[in-house]
């Protein structure tokens, strides 16, 4: 009878160990799926945030710095066009053909 009592606790311990191992493996497997899903969601969130920032940049009104920069560029272009028009308006001296 002592043999049966000795084996019973070992059987219970094995059963508990087996159940714990199965529970751990099932949880670890679900954690892997959850981790993959969480990564997918994070990737989608980053992508959506990038699109949102791009859309906001397109809708954003010009800042004072933007306007100043555009005015500076416009003045530079006006000066270049004025110089080109002045150069085109001045008559060019023609060189006389050489007599041979």
Protein backbone atom coordinates (compact mmCIF):
# COMPACT_ATOMS: atom_id res chain seq x y z
CA UNK A 1 0.00 0.00 0.00
CA UNK A 2 2.84 2.33 0.61
CA UNK A 3 3.81 1.95 -3.04
CA UNK A 4 0.48 3.28 -4.28
CA UNK A 5 0.64 6.32 -2.01
CA UNK A 6 4.20 7.07 -3.17
CA UNK A 7 3.22 6.89 -6.83
CA UNK A 8 0.07 8.99 -6.49
CA UNK A 9 1.87 12.21 -5.55
CA UNK A 10 4.37 11.65 -8.35
CA UNK A 11 1.48 11.16 -10.76
CA UNK A 12 -0.18 14.32 -9.50
CA UNK A 13 3.07 16.23 -9.80
CA UNK A 14 3.52 14.99 -13.36
CA UNK A 15 -0.07 15.93 -14.18
CA UNK A 16 0.38 19.41 -12.71
CA UNK A 17 3.74 19.79 -14.49
CA UNK A 18 2.17 18.65 -17.76
CA UNK A 19 -0.80 21.01 -17.36
CA UNK A 20 1.52 23.91 -16.53
CA UNK A 21 3.70 23.13 -19.54
CA UNK A 22 0.67 22.99 -21.83
CA UNK A 23 -0.69 26.23 -20.41
CA UNK A 24 2.69 27.93 -20.84
CA UNK A 25 3.02 26.71 -24.43
CA UNK A 26 -0.50 27.83 -25.28
CA UNK A 27 0.12 31.25 -23.71
CA UNK A 28 3.47 31.60 -25.47
CA UNK A 29 1.85 30.74 -28.80
CA UNK A 30 -0.87 33.32 -28.25
CA UNK A 31 1.72 35.87 -27.21
CA UNK A 32 3.50 35.33 -30.53
CA UNK A 33 0.29 35.95 -32.43
CA UNK A 34 -0.48 38.97 -30.26
CA UNK A 35 3.04 40.34 -30.79
CA UNK A 36 2.70 39.95 -34.56
CA UNK A 37 -0.72 41.61 -34.53
CA UNK A 38 0.57 44.43 -32.33
CA UNK A 39 3.46 44.99 -34.76
CA UNK A 40 1.04 45.04 -37.70
CA UNK A 41 -1.13 47.59 -35.90
CA UNK A 42 1.93 49.71 -35.06
CA UNK A 43 3.02 49.63 -38.72
CA UNK A 44 -0.46 50.67 -39.84
CA UNK A 45 -0.48 53.50 -37.29
CA UNK A 46 2.89 54.80 -38.46
CA UNK A 47 1.73 54.69 -42.08
CA UNK A 48 -1.50 56.52 -41.25
CA UNK A 49 0.41 59.13 -39.25
CA UNK A 50 2.72 59.72 -42.22
CA UNK A 51 -0.24 60.23 -44.53
CA UNK A 52 -1.85 62.57 -42.01
CA UNK A 53 1.30 64.70 -41.72
CA UNK A 54 1.52 64.90 -45.51
CA UNK A 55 -2.11 65.99 -45.77
CA UNK A 56 -1.67 68.62 -43.07
CA UNK A 57 1.44 70.00 -44.81
CA UNK A 58 -0.58 70.43 -48.01
CA UNK A 59 -3.41 72.21 -46.17
CA UNK A 60 -1.16 74.36 -43.98
CA UNK A 61 -1.25 78.05 -44.86
CA UNK A 62 2.02 79.78 -45.74
CA UNK A 63 3.98 81.13 -42.81
CA UNK A 64 5.46 84.61 -42.65
CA UNK A 65 8.87 83.08 -43.39
CA UNK A 66 7.44 81.37 -46.48
CA UNK A 67 6.01 84.66 -47.73
CA UNK A 68 9.28 86.53 -47.07
CA UNK A 69 11.21 83.88 -48.96
CA UNK A 70 8.82 84.05 -51.91
CA UNK A 71 9.08 87.86 -52.00
CA UNK A 72 12.88 87.65 -51.97
CA UNK A 73 12.81 85.14 -54.84
CA UNK A 74 10.34 87.32 -56.76
CA UNK A 75 12.57 90.41 -56.39
CA UNK A 76 15.57 88.42 -57.63
CA UNK A 77 13.60 87.22 -60.66
CA UNK A 78 12.39 90.76 -61.38
CA UNK A 79 15.98 91.98 -61.33
CA UNK A 80 17.11 89.23 -63.70
CA UNK A 81 14.24 89.87 -66.12
CA UNK A 82 14.95 93.61 -66.00
CA UNK A 83 18.62 92.99 -66.80
CA UNK A 84 17.73 90.70 -69.69
CA UNK A 85 15.24 93.20 -71.11
CA UNK A 86 17.77 96.02 -70.82
CA UNK A 87 20.40 93.93 -72.57
CA UNK A 88 17.97 93.08 -75.37
CA UNK A 89 16.97 96.74 -75.81
CA UNK A 90 20.49 98.06 -76.30
CA UNK A 91 21.59 97.93 -79.92
CA UNK A 92 24.55 95.73 -80.52
CA UNK A 93 27.42 97.01 -82.53
CA UNK A 94 27.90 95.08 -85.69
CA UNK A 95 31.38 94.40 -86.77
CA UNK A 96 32.15 95.39 -90.34
CA UNK A 97 32.99 92.57 -92.66
CA UNK A 98 36.64 92.49 -93.54
CA UNK A 99 37.52 93.23 -97.13
CA UNK A 100 39.73 90.69 -98.76
